[in-house]
Amino acid sequence: MNSIKTANGATLRIAGVTGSVGIKDGSARDVKAAVNLLLHEGYEISTGAGSAAYISLDGKNVVKLDASGKVAVEKSGSGLKLTLQSGTMYAGLEASELSHVQTSNMATGVRG
């Protein structure tokens, strides 16, 4: 897995959770972390110690927000972007899929 700072997708959903995962909507209201929960602009996802959140990008790639992390869902062109605010986020890329990830010091496109 590669450590990343941002991840883009037209549709973002919770793919899985382990341990304590908190989600707040754009109005800072708590939302129950559940598999297939559709994420919208303004949402924030946070993980507790020993916990993780798995987020699906367009139903293809999955990123992992590791323990004690926080990401924000922001508008990015016609899609959405996950921006890491604290902790570590990882992307596991499949060679057969087209993906785009951006780190703090480089951007890369992967095409299988």
PDB file of N, CA and C in Angstrom:
ATOM      1  N   MET A   1       0.836  -1.185   0.000  1.00  0.00           N
ATOM      2  CA  MET A   1       0.000   0.000   0.000  1.00  0.00           C
ATOM      3  C   MET A   1       0.881   1.249   0.000  1.00  0.00           C
ATOM      4  N   ASN A   2       0.405   2.277  -0.676  1.00  0.00           N
ATOM      5  CA  ASN A   2       1.107   3.546  -0.755  1.00  0.00           C
ATOM      6  C   ASN A   2       0.458   4.559   0.163  1.00  0.00           C
ATOM      7  N   SER A   3       1.264   5.307   0.917  1.00  0.00           N
ATOM      8  CA  SER A   3       0.747   6.375   1.770  1.00  0.00           C
ATOM      9  C   SER A   3       0.420   7.580   0.895  1.00  0.00           C
ATOM     10  N   ILE A   4      -0.779   8.149   1.066  1.00  0.00           N
ATOM     11  CA  ILE A   4      -1.210   9.273   0.238  1.00  0.00           C
ATOM     12  C   ILE A   4      -1.813  10.382   1.096  1.00  0.00           C
ATOM     13  N   LYS A   5      -1.948  11.575   0.512  1.00  0.00           N
ATOM     14  CA  LYS A   5      -2.548  12.726   1.188  1.00  0.00           C
ATOM     15  C   LYS A   5      -3.944  13.043   0.656  1.00  0.00           C
ATOM     16  N   THR A   6      -4.213  12.726  -0.617  1.00  0.00           N
ATOM     17  CA  THR A   6      -5.532  12.957  -1.213  1.00  0.00           C
ATOM     18  C   THR A   6      -5.911  11.783  -2.095  1.00  0.00           C
ATOM     19  N   ALA A   7      -7.214  11.636  -2.334  1.00  0.00           N
ATOM     20  CA  ALA A   7      -7.733  10.614  -3.249  1.00  0.00           C
ATOM     21  C   ALA A   7      -9.010  11.159  -3.872  1.00  0.00           C
ATOM     22  N   ASN A   8      -9.191  10.969  -5.172  1.00  0.00           N
ATOM     23  CA  ASN A   8     -10.332  11.515  -5.889  1.00  0.00           C
ATOM     24  C   ASN A   8     -11.281  10.427  -6.375  1.00  0.00           C
ATOM     25  N   GLY A   9     -12.561  10.778  -6.492  1.00  0.00           N
ATOM     26  CA  GLY A   9     -13.557   9.883  -7.051  1.00  0.00           C
ATOM     27  C   GLY A   9     -14.875  10.611  -7.242  1.00  0.00           C
ATOM     28  N   ALA A  10     -15.666  10.161  -8.187  1.00  0.00           N
ATOM     29  CA  ALA A  10     -16.990  10.753  -8.393  1.00  0.00           C
ATOM     30  C   ALA A  10     -17.946  10.323  -7.289  1.00  0.00           C
ATOM     31  N   THR A  11     -17.795   9.074  -6.820  1.00  0.00           N
ATOM     32  CA  THR A  11     -18.651   8.528  -5.769  1.00  0.00           C
ATOM     33  C   THR A  11     -17.768   7.922  -4.683  1.00  0.00           C
ATOM     34  N   LEU A  12     -17.978   8.364  -3.454  1.00  0.00           N
ATOM     35  CA  LEU A  12     -17.228   7.842  -2.313  1.00  0.00           C
ATOM     36  C   LEU A  12     -18.198   7.165  -1.363  1.00  0.00           C
ATOM     37  N   ARG A  13     -17.874   5.951  -0.943  1.00  0.00           N
ATOM     38  CA  ARG A  13     -18.715   5.190  -0.013  1.00  0.00           C
ATOM     39  C   ARG A  13     -17.840   4.522   1.044  1.00  0.00           C
ATOM     40  N   ILE A  14     -18.421   4.288   2.209  1.00  0.00           N
ATOM     41  CA  ILE A  14     -17.744   3.499   3.233  1.00  0.00           C
ATOM     42  C   ILE A  14     -17.765   2.044   2.770  1.00  0.00           C
ATOM     43  N   ALA A  15     -16.585   1.441   2.664  1.00  0.00           N
ATOM     44  CA  ALA A  15     -16.469   0.046   2.229  1.00  0.00           C
ATOM     45  C   ALA A  15     -16.334  -0.890   3.420  1.00  0.00           C
ATOM     46  N   GLY A  16     -15.888  -0.363   4.555  1.00  0.00           N
ATOM     47  CA  GLY A  16     -15.731  -1.187   5.746  1.00  0.00           C
ATOM     48  C   GLY A  16     -15.195  -0.370   6.899  1.00  0.00           C
ATOM     49  N   VAL A  17     -15.420  -0.834   8.113  1.00  0.00           N
ATOM     50  CA  VAL A  17     -14.907  -0.170   9.307  1.00  0.00           C
ATOM     51  C   VAL A  17     -14.430  -1.233  10.291  1.00  0.00           C
ATOM     52  N   THR A  18     -13.392  -0.900  11.041  1.00  0.00           N
ATOM     53  CA  THR A  18     -12.966  -1.730  12.154  1.00  0.00           C
ATOM     54  C   THR A  18     -12.733  -0.806  13.339  1.00  0.00           C
ATOM     55  N   GLY A  19     -13.216  -1.202  14.490  1.00  0.00           N
ATOM     56  CA  GLY A  19     -13.042  -0.391  15.688  1.00  0.00           C
ATOM     57  C   GLY A  19     -13.939   0.833  15.697  1.00  0.00           C
ATOM     58  N   SER A  20     -13.416   1.923  16.243  1.00  0.00           N
ATOM     59  CA  SER A  20     -14.180   3.157  16.438  1.00  0.00           C
ATOM     60  C   SER A  20     -13.985   4.117  15.258  1.00  0.00           C
ATOM     61  N   VAL A  21     -15.051   4.305  14.468  1.00  0.00           N
ATOM     62  CA  VAL A  21     -15.019   5.210  13.321  1.00  0.00           C
ATOM     63  C   VAL A  21     -16.155   6.212  13.477  1.00  0.00           C
ATOM     64  N   GLY A  22     -15.819   7.493  13.434  1.00  0.00           N
ATOM     65  CA  GLY A  22     -16.819   8.549  13.553  1.00  0.00           C
ATOM     66  C   GLY A  22     -16.987   9.278  12.236  1.00  0.00           C
ATOM     67  N   ILE A  23     -18.229   9.630  11.917  1.00  0.00           N
ATOM     68  CA  ILE A  23     -18.514  10.387  10.695  1.00  0.00           C
ATOM     69  C   ILE A  23     -19.415  11.551  11.057  1.00  0.00           C
ATOM     70  N   LYS A  24     -19.069  12.727  10.548  1.00  0.00           N
ATOM     71  CA  LYS A  24     -19.904  13.915  10.718  1.00  0.00           C
ATOM     72  C   LYS A  24     -20.283  14.419   9.337  1.00  0.00           C
ATOM     73  N   ASP A  25     -21.544  14.880   9.207  1.00  0.00           N
ATOM     74  CA  ASP A  25     -21.976  15.412   7.921  1.00  0.00           C
ATOM     75  C   ASP A  25     -21.555  16.874   7.800  1.00  0.00           C
ATOM     76  N   GLY A  26     -21.965  17.528   6.735  1.00  0.00           N
ATOM     77  CA  GLY A  26     -21.592  18.913   6.485  1.00  0.00           C
ATOM     78  C   GLY A  26     -22.095  19.892   7.510  1.00  0.00           C
ATOM     79  N   SER A  27     -23.052  19.487   8.345  1.00  0.00           N
ATOM     80  CA  SER A  27     -23.580  20.327   9.426  1.00  0.00           C
ATOM     81  C   SER A  27     -23.026  19.904  10.780  1.00  0.00           C
ATOM     82  N   ALA A  28     -21.980  19.093  10.769  1.00  0.00           N
ATOM     83  CA  ALA A  28     -21.306  18.590  11.978  1.00  0.00           C
ATOM     84  C   ALA A  28     -22.195  17.678  12.822  1.00  0.00           C
ATOM     85  N   ARG A  29     -23.217  17.074  12.194  1.00  0.00           N
ATOM     86  CA  ARG A  29     -24.050  16.089  12.890  1.00  0.00           C
ATOM     87  C   ARG A  29     -23.445  14.709  12.723  1.00  0.00           C
ATOM     88  N   ASP A  30     -23.540  13.892  13.777  1.00  0.00           N
ATOM     89  CA  ASP A  30     -23.034  12.523  13.719  1.00  0.00           C
ATOM     90  C   ASP A  30     -23.851  11.678  12.751  1.00  0.00           C
ATOM     91  N   VAL A  31     -23.140  10.867  11.968  1.00  0.00           N
ATOM     92  CA  VAL A  31     -23.751   9.935  11.030  1.00  0.00           C
ATOM     93  C   VAL A  31     -23.189   8.563  11.376  1.00  0.00           C
ATOM     94  N   LYS A  32     -24.045   7.547  11.433  1.00  0.00           N
ATOM     95  CA  LYS A  32     -23.586   6.198  11.763  1.00  0.00           C
ATOM     96  C   LYS A  32     -22.697   5.660  10.646  1.00  0.00           C
ATOM     97  N   ALA A  33     -21.524   5.169  11.029  1.00  0.00           N
ATOM     98  CA  ALA A  33     -20.595   4.566  10.068  1.00  0.00           C
ATOM     99  C   ALA A  33     -21.131   3.192   9.669  1.00  0.00           C
ATOM    100  N   ALA A  34     -21.541   3.059   8.422  1.00  0.00           N
ATOM    101  CA  ALA A  34     -22.110   1.803   7.940  1.00  0.00           C
ATOM    102  C   ALA A  34     -21.592   1.518   6.538  1.00  0.00           C
ATOM    103  N   VAL A  35     -21.401   0.249   6.217  1.00  0.00           N
ATOM    104  CA  VAL A  35     -20.966  -0.157   4.887  1.00  0.00           C
ATOM    105  C   VAL A  35     -21.970   0.348   3.852  1.00  0.00           C
ATOM    106  N   ASN A  36     -21.444   0.874   2.752  1.00  0.00           N
ATOM    107  CA  ASN A  36     -22.199   1.451   1.631  1.00  0.00           C
ATOM    108  C   ASN A  36     -22.750   2.845   1.904  1.00  0.00           C
ATOM    109  N   LEU A  37     -22.410   3.444   3.056  1.00  0.00           N
ATOM    110  CA  LEU A  37     -22.835   4.822   3.322  1.00  0.00           C
ATOM    111  C   LEU A  37     -22.219   5.732   2.270  1.00  0.00           C
ATOM    112  N   LEU A  38     -23.047   6.491   1.572  1.00  0.00           N
ATOM    113  CA  LEU A  38     -22.584   7.432   0.560  1.00  0.00           C
ATOM    114  C   LEU A  38     -22.049   8.682   1.257  1.00  0.00           C
ATOM    115  N   LEU A  39     -20.841   9.090   0.906  1.00  0.00           N
ATOM    116  CA  LEU A  39     -20.216  10.266   1.512  1.00  0.00           C
ATOM    117  C   LEU A  39     -20.430  11.475   0.614  1.00  0.00           C
ATOM    118  N   HIS A  40     -20.698  12.618   1.241  1.00  0.00           N
ATOM    119  CA  HIS A  40     -20.987  13.849   0.514  1.00  0.00           C
ATOM    120  C   HIS A  40     -19.988  14.933   0.893  1.00  0.00           C
ATOM    121  N   GLU A  41     -19.949  15.990   0.084  1.00  0.00           N
ATOM    122  CA  GLU A  41     -19.106  17.141   0.378  1.00  0.00           C
ATOM    123  C   GLU A  41     -19.397  17.636   1.799  1.00  0.00           C
ATOM    124  N   GLY A  42     -18.348  17.934   2.553  1.00  0.00           N
ATOM    125  CA  GLY A  42     -18.497  18.442   3.911  1.00  0.00           C
ATOM    126  C   GLY A  42     -18.401  17.371   4.985  1.00  0.00           C
ATOM    127  N   TYR A  43     -18.471  16.102   4.604  1.00  0.00           N
ATOM    128  CA  TYR A  43     -18.352  15.023   5.593  1.00  0.00           C
ATOM    129  C   TYR A  43     -16.914  14.956   6.109  1.00  0.00           C
ATOM    130  N   GLU A  44     -16.778  14.513   7.355  1.00  0.00           N
ATOM    131  CA  GLU A  44     -15.475  14.236   7.957  1.00  0.00           C
ATOM    132  C   GLU A  44     -15.520  12.837   8.551  1.00  0.00           C
ATOM    133  N   ILE A  45     -14.471  12.070   8.306  1.00  0.00           N
ATOM    134  CA  ILE A  45     -14.369  10.711   8.835  1.00  0.00           C
ATOM    135  C   ILE A  45     -13.155  10.671   9.742  1.00  0.00           C
ATOM    136  N   SER A  46     -13.320  10.125  10.945  1.00  0.00           N
ATOM    137  CA  SER A  46     -12.203  10.004  11.879  1.00  0.00           C
ATOM    138  C   SER A  46     -12.167   8.593  12.444  1.00  0.00           C
ATOM    139  N   THR A  47     -10.955   8.148  12.782  1.00  0.00           N
ATOM    140  CA  THR A  47     -10.767   6.817  13.343  1.00  0.00           C
ATOM    141  C   THR A  47     -10.085   6.923  14.697  1.00  0.00           C
ATOM    142  N   GLY A  48     -10.462   6.038  15.596  1.00  0.00           N
ATOM    143  CA  GLY A  48      -9.842   5.990  16.913  1.00  0.00           C
ATOM    144  C   GLY A  48      -8.604   5.115  16.905  1.00  0.00           C
ATOM    145  N   ALA A  49      -7.980   5.006  18.074  1.00  0.00           N
ATOM    146  CA  ALA A  49      -6.789   4.156  18.218  1.00  0.00           C
ATOM    147  C   ALA A  49      -7.147   2.712  17.865  1.00  0.00           C
ATOM    148  N   GLY A  50      -6.303   2.058  17.082  1.00  0.00           N
ATOM    149  CA  GLY A  50      -6.525   0.671  16.696  1.00  0.00           C
ATOM    150  C   GLY A  50      -7.687   0.466  15.743  1.00  0.00           C
ATOM    151  N   SER A  51      -8.163   1.511  15.101  1.00  0.00           N
ATOM    152  CA  SER A  51      -9.332   1.459  14.211  1.00  0.00           C
ATOM    153  C   SER A  51      -8.937   1.809  12.782  1.00  0.00           C
ATOM    154  N   ALA A  52      -9.848   1.557  11.839  1.00  0.00           N
ATOM    155  CA  ALA A  52      -9.607   1.900  10.435  1.00  0.00           C
ATOM    156  C   ALA A  52     -10.937   2.078   9.716  1.00  0.00           C
ATOM    157  N   ALA A  53     -10.935   2.951   8.711  1.00  0.00           N
ATOM    158  CA  ALA A  53     -12.084   3.119   7.819  1.00  0.00           C
ATOM    159  C   ALA A  53     -11.597   2.849   6.401  1.00  0.00           C
ATOM    160  N   TYR A  54     -12.378   2.085   5.647  1.00  0.00           N
ATOM    161  CA  TYR A  54     -12.066   1.761   4.262  1.00  0.00           C
ATOM    162  C   TYR A  54     -13.082   2.485   3.392  1.00  0.00           C
ATOM    163  N   ILE A  55     -12.591   3.272   2.433  1.00  0.00           N
ATOM    164  CA  ILE A  55     -13.462   4.117   1.620  1.00  0.00           C
ATOM    165  C   ILE A  55     -13.291   3.732   0.157  1.00  0.00           C
ATOM    166  N   SER A  56     -14.409   3.417  -0.483  1.00  0.00           N
ATOM    167  CA  SER A  56     -14.430   3.025  -1.887  1.00  0.00           C
ATOM    168  C   SER A  56     -14.481   4.265  -2.769  1.00  0.00           C
ATOM    169  N   LEU A  57     -13.622   4.283  -3.796  1.00  0.00           N
ATOM    170  CA  LEU A  57     -13.599   5.359  -4.789  1.00  0.00           C
ATOM    171  C   LEU A  57     -14.229   4.823  -6.059  1.00  0.00           C
ATOM    172  N   ASP A  58     -15.420   5.266  -6.379  1.00  0.00           N
ATOM    173  CA  ASP A  58     -16.127   4.856  -7.595  1.00  0.00           C
ATOM    174  C   ASP A  58     -16.357   3.349  -7.672  1.00  0.00           C
ATOM    175  N   GLY A  59     -16.396   2.669  -6.532  1.00  0.00           N
ATOM    176  CA  GLY A  59     -16.643   1.237  -6.512  1.00  0.00           C
ATOM    177  C   GLY A  59     -15.486   0.399  -7.031  1.00  0.00           C
ATOM    178  N   LYS A  60     -14.328   1.006  -7.236  1.00  0.00           N
ATOM    179  CA  LYS A  60     -13.179   0.293  -7.806  1.00  0.00           C
ATOM    180  C   LYS A  60     -12.034   0.207  -6.809  1.00  0.00           C
ATOM    181  N   ASN A  61     -11.416   1.326  -6.522  1.00  0.00           N
ATOM    182  CA  ASN A  61     -10.283   1.372  -5.599  1.00  0.00           C
ATOM    183  C   ASN A  61     -10.773   1.627  -4.180  1.00  0.00           C
ATOM    184  N   VAL A  62      -9.976   1.178  -3.219  1.00  0.00           N
ATOM    185  CA  VAL A  62     -10.302   1.405  -1.811  1.00  0.00           C
ATOM    186  C   VAL A  62      -9.103   2.041  -1.140  1.00  0.00           C
ATOM    187  N   VAL A  63      -9.358   3.102  -0.364  1.00  0.00           N
ATOM    188  CA  VAL A  63      -8.314   3.698   0.455  1.00  0.00           C
ATOM    189  C   VAL A  63      -8.611   3.360   1.906  1.00  0.00           C
ATOM    190  N   LYS A  64      -7.556   3.288   2.697  1.00  0.00           N
ATOM    191  CA  LYS A  64      -7.680   2.966   4.116  1.00  0.00           C
ATOM    192  C   LYS A  64      -7.237   4.167   4.939  1.00  0.00           C
ATOM    193  N   LEU A  65      -8.126   4.651   5.812  1.00  0.00           N
ATOM    194  CA  LEU A  65      -7.766   5.659   6.797  1.00  0.00           C
ATOM    195  C   LEU A  65      -7.361   4.889   8.038  1.00  0.00           C
ATOM    196  N   ASP A  66      -6.082   4.985   8.386  1.00  0.00           N
ATOM    197  CA  ASP A  66      -5.539   4.198   9.481  1.00  0.00           C
ATOM    198  C   ASP A  66      -5.931   4.785  10.837  1.00  0.00           C
ATOM    199  N   ALA A  67      -5.478   4.130  11.898  1.00  0.00           N
ATOM    200  CA  ALA A  67      -5.808   4.501  13.274  1.00  0.00           C
ATOM    201  C   ALA A  67      -5.477   5.965  13.573  1.00  0.00           C
ATOM    202  N   SER A  68      -6.330   6.587  14.381  1.00  0.00           N
ATOM    203  CA  SER A  68      -6.154   7.976  14.835  1.00  0.00           C
ATOM    204  C   SER A  68      -5.991   8.943  13.666  1.00  0.00           C
ATOM    205  N   GLY A  69      -6.784   8.741  12.620  1.00  0.00           N
ATOM    206  CA  GLY A  69      -6.715   9.587  11.432  1.00  0.00           C
ATOM    207  C   GLY A  69      -7.996  10.372  11.219  1.00  0.00           C
ATOM    208  N   LYS A  70      -7.916  11.370  10.328  1.00  0.00           N
ATOM    209  CA  LYS A  70      -9.081  12.181   9.996  1.00  0.00           C
ATOM    210  C   LYS A  70      -8.961  12.646   8.547  1.00  0.00           C
ATOM    211  N   VAL A  71     -10.059  12.480   7.774  1.00  0.00           N
ATOM    212  CA  VAL A  71     -10.124  12.982   6.405  1.00  0.00           C
ATOM    213  C   VAL A  71     -11.379  13.823   6.235  1.00  0.00           C
ATOM    214  N   ALA A  72     -11.302  14.756   5.281  1.00  0.00           N
ATOM    215  CA  ALA A  72     -12.444  15.583   4.924  1.00  0.00           C
ATOM    216  C   ALA A  72     -12.836  15.277   3.490  1.00  0.00           C
ATOM    217  N   VAL A  73     -14.136  15.286   3.211  1.00  0.00           N
ATOM    218  CA  VAL A  73     -14.650  15.101   1.856  1.00  0.00           C
ATOM    219  C   VAL A  73     -14.900  16.488   1.283  1.00  0.00           C
ATOM    220  N   GLU A  74     -14.212  16.801   0.183  1.00  0.00           N
ATOM    221  CA  GLU A  74     -14.306  18.117  -0.430  1.00  0.00           C
ATOM    222  C   GLU A  74     -14.697  17.993  -1.898  1.00  0.00           C
ATOM    223  N   LYS A  75     -15.249  19.068  -2.442  1.00  0.00           N
ATOM    224  CA  LYS A  75     -15.582  19.130  -3.863  1.00  0.00           C
ATOM    225  C   LYS A  75     -14.293  19.258  -4.659  1.00  0.00           C
ATOM    226  N   SER A  76     -14.214  18.538  -5.784  1.00  0.00           N
ATOM    227  CA  SER A  76     -13.058  18.605  -6.664  1.00  0.00           C
ATOM    228  C   SER A  76     -13.544  18.497  -8.099  1.00  0.00           C
ATOM    229  N   GLY A  77     -13.682  19.619  -8.775  1.00  0.00           N
ATOM    230  CA  GLY A  77     -14.231  19.616 -10.128  1.00  0.00           C
ATOM    231  C   GLY A  77     -15.646  19.074 -10.102  1.00  0.00           C
ATOM    232  N   SER A  78     -15.917  18.045 -10.895  1.00  0.00           N
ATOM    233  CA  SER A  78     -17.255  17.448 -10.915  1.00  0.00           C
ATOM    234  C   SER A  78     -17.358  16.280  -9.941  1.00  0.00           C
ATOM    235  N   GLY A  79     -16.270  15.976  -9.227  1.00  0.00           N
ATOM    236  CA  GLY A  79     -16.270  14.859  -8.292  1.00  0.00           C
ATOM    237  C   GLY A  79     -15.983  15.287  -6.874  1.00  0.00           C
ATOM    238  N   LEU A  80     -15.456  14.355  -6.100  1.00  0.00           N
ATOM    239  CA  LEU A  80     -15.128  14.588  -4.701  1.00  0.00           C
ATOM    240  C   LEU A  80     -13.679  14.212  -4.446  1.00  0.00           C
ATOM    241  N   LYS A  81     -13.139  14.751  -3.359  1.00  0.00           N
ATOM    242  CA  LYS A  81     -11.762  14.483  -2.986  1.00  0.00           C
ATOM    243  C   LYS A  81     -11.695  14.221  -1.488  1.00  0.00           C
ATOM    244  N   LEU A  82     -10.959  13.190  -1.090  1.00  0.00           N
ATOM    245  CA  LEU A  82     -10.651  12.944   0.310  1.00  0.00           C
ATOM    246  C   LEU A  82      -9.338  13.641   0.610  1.00  0.00           C
ATOM    247  N   THR A  83      -9.323  14.505   1.621  1.00  0.00           N
ATOM    248  CA  THR A  83      -8.101  15.192   2.004  1.00  0.00           C
ATOM    249  C   THR A  83      -7.728  14.788   3.419  1.00  0.00           C
ATOM    250  N   LEU A  84      -6.534  14.260   3.571  1.00  0.00           N
ATOM    251  CA  LEU A  84      -6.045  13.829   4.869  1.00  0.00           C
ATOM    252  C   LEU A  84      -5.762  15.036   5.750  1.00  0.00           C
ATOM    253  N   GLN A  85      -6.363  15.058   6.947  1.00  0.00           N
ATOM    254  CA  GLN A  85      -6.136  16.143   7.894  1.00  0.00           C
ATOM    255  C   GLN A  85      -5.192  15.726   9.007  1.00  0.00           C
ATOM    256  N   SER A  86      -5.213  14.443   9.369  1.00  0.00           N
ATOM    257  CA  SER A  86      -4.272  13.918  10.353  1.00  0.00           C
ATOM    258  C   SER A  86      -4.199  12.407  10.199  1.00  0.00           C
ATOM    259  N   GLY A  87      -3.107  11.818  10.683  1.00  0.00           N
ATOM    260  CA  GLY A  87      -2.946  10.374  10.588  1.00  0.00           C
ATOM    261  C   GLY A  87      -2.369   9.951   9.255  1.00  0.00           C
ATOM    262  N   THR A  88      -2.713   8.729   8.842  1.00  0.00           N
ATOM    263  CA  THR A  88      -2.171   8.141   7.614  1.00  0.00           C
ATOM    264  C   THR A  88      -3.298   7.521   6.794  1.00  0.00           C
ATOM    265  N   MET A  89      -3.247   7.749   5.486  1.00  0.00           N
ATOM    266  CA  MET A  89      -4.206   7.153   4.557  1.00  0.00           C
ATOM    267  C   MET A  89      -3.408   6.377   3.509  1.00  0.00           C
ATOM    268  N   TYR A  90      -3.899   5.175   3.188  1.00  0.00           N
ATOM    269  CA  TYR A  90      -3.205   4.308   2.236  1.00  0.00           C
ATOM    270  C   TYR A  90      -4.111   3.988   1.051  1.00  0.00           C
ATOM    271  N   ALA A  91      -3.475   3.810  -0.096  1.00  0.00           N
ATOM    272  CA  ALA A  91      -4.203   3.368  -1.289  1.00  0.00           C
ATOM    273  C   ALA A  91      -3.568   2.086  -1.788  1.00  0.00           C
ATOM    274  N   GLY A  92      -4.388   1.066  -2.012  1.00  0.00           N
ATOM    275  CA  GLY A  92      -3.922  -0.180  -2.634  1.00  0.00           C
ATOM    276  C   GLY A  92      -4.432  -0.170  -4.055  1.00  0.00           C
ATOM    277  N   LEU A  93      -3.559  -0.043  -5.023  1.00  0.00           N
ATOM    278  CA  LEU A  93      -3.969   0.098  -6.414  1.00  0.00           C
ATOM    279  C   LEU A  93      -3.871  -1.226  -7.149  1.00  0.00           C
ATOM    280  N   GLU A  94      -4.858  -1.520  -7.965  1.00  0.00           N
ATOM    281  CA  GLU A  94      -4.875  -2.715  -8.803  1.00  0.00           C
ATOM    282  C   GLU A  94      -4.250  -2.361 -10.151  1.00  0.00           C
ATOM    283  N   ALA A  95      -3.393  -3.206 -10.676  1.00  0.00           N
ATOM    284  CA  ALA A  95      -2.728  -2.939 -11.949  1.00  0.00           C
ATOM    285  C   ALA A  95      -3.714  -2.843 -13.101  1.00  0.00           C
ATOM    286  N   SER A  96      -4.885  -3.455 -12.980  1.00  0.00           N
ATOM    287  CA  SER A  96      -5.848  -3.462 -14.080  1.00  0.00           C
ATOM    288  C   SER A  96      -6.767  -2.244 -14.080  1.00  0.00           C
ATOM    289  N   GLU A  97      -6.590  -1.342 -13.119  1.00  0.00           N
ATOM    290  CA  GLU A  97      -7.475  -0.189 -13.013  1.00  0.00           C
ATOM    291  C   GLU A  97      -6.718   1.109 -13.249  1.00  0.00           C
ATOM    292  N   LEU A  98      -7.392   2.092 -13.795  1.00  0.00           N
ATOM    293  CA  LEU A  98      -6.845   3.425 -13.961  1.00  0.00           C
ATOM    294  C   LEU A  98      -7.091   4.180 -12.677  1.00  0.00           C
ATOM    295  N   SER A  99      -6.049   4.752 -12.104  1.00  0.00           N
ATOM    296  CA  SER A  99      -6.178   5.448 -10.831  1.00  0.00           C
ATOM    297  C   SER A  99      -5.321   6.694 -10.835  1.00  0.00           C
ATOM    298  N   HIS A 100      -5.638   7.624  -9.941  1.00  0.00           N
ATOM    299  CA  HIS A 100      -4.838   8.831  -9.754  1.00  0.00           C
ATOM    300  C   HIS A 100      -4.700   9.073  -8.268  1.00  0.00           C
ATOM    301  N   VAL A 101      -3.468   9.200  -7.804  1.00  0.00           N
ATOM    302  CA  VAL A 101      -3.221   9.536  -6.409  1.00  0.00           C
ATOM    303  C   VAL A 101      -2.242  10.689  -6.374  1.00  0.00           C
ATOM    304  N   GLN A 102      -2.287  11.468  -5.310  1.00  0.00           N
ATOM    305  CA  GLN A 102      -1.380  12.586  -5.151  1.00  0.00           C
ATOM    306  C   GLN A 102      -0.787  12.534  -3.759  1.00  0.00           C
ATOM    307  N   THR A 103       0.527  12.627  -3.670  1.00  0.00           N
ATOM    308  CA  THR A 103       1.187  12.673  -2.374  1.00  0.00           C
ATOM    309  C   THR A 103       1.581  14.115  -2.104  1.00  0.00           C
ATOM    310  N   SER A 104       2.213  14.366  -0.977  1.00  0.00           N
ATOM    311  CA  SER A 104       2.601  15.731  -0.637  1.00  0.00           C
ATOM    312  C   SER A 104       3.671  16.281  -1.572  1.00  0.00           C
ATOM    313  N   ASN A 105       4.398  15.403  -2.256  1.00  0.00           N
ATOM    314  CA  ASN A 105       5.468  15.904  -3.110  1.00  0.00           C
ATOM    315  C   ASN A 105       5.456  15.366  -4.544  1.00  0.00           C
ATOM    316  N   MET A 106       4.411  14.616  -4.923  1.00  0.00           N
ATOM    317  CA  MET A 106       4.345  14.122  -6.303  1.00  0.00           C
ATOM    318  C   MET A 106       2.931  13.667  -6.629  1.00  0.00           C
ATOM    319  N   ALA A 107       2.646  13.590  -7.913  1.00  0.00           N
ATOM    320  CA  ALA A 107       1.376  13.011  -8.383  1.00  0.00           C
ATOM    321  C   ALA A 107       1.727  11.900  -9.344  1.00  0.00           C
ATOM    322  N   THR A 108       0.901  10.866  -9.378  1.00  0.00           N
ATOM    323  CA  THR A 108       1.189   9.754 -10.280  1.00  0.00           C
ATOM    324  C   THR A 108      -0.092   9.192 -10.841  1.00  0.00           C
ATOM    325  N   GLY A 109      -0.074   8.759 -12.063  1.00  0.00           N
ATOM    326  CA  GLY A 109      -1.185   8.043 -12.671  1.00  0.00           C
ATOM    327  C   GLY A 109      -0.752   6.606 -12.902  1.00  0.00           C
ATOM    328  N   VAL A 110      -1.604   5.663 -12.593  1.00  0.00           N
ATOM    329  CA  VAL A 110      -1.282   4.258 -12.762  1.00  0.00           C
ATOM    330  C   VAL A 110      -2.277   3.649 -13.733  1.00  0.00           C
ATOM    331  N   ARG A 111      -1.780   3.042 -14.791  1.00  0.00           N
ATOM    332  CA  ARG A 111      -2.648   2.422 -15.788  1.00  0.00           C
ATOM    333  C   ARG A 111      -2.140   1.001 -16.003  1.00  0.00           C
ATOM    334  N   GLY A 112      -3.069   0.031 -15.890  1.00  0.00           N
ATOM    335  CA  GLY A 112      -2.651  -1.365 -16.018  1.00  0.00           C
ATOM    336  C   GLY A 112      -2.778  -1.883 -17.409  1.00  0.00           C
TER     337      GLY A 112
END
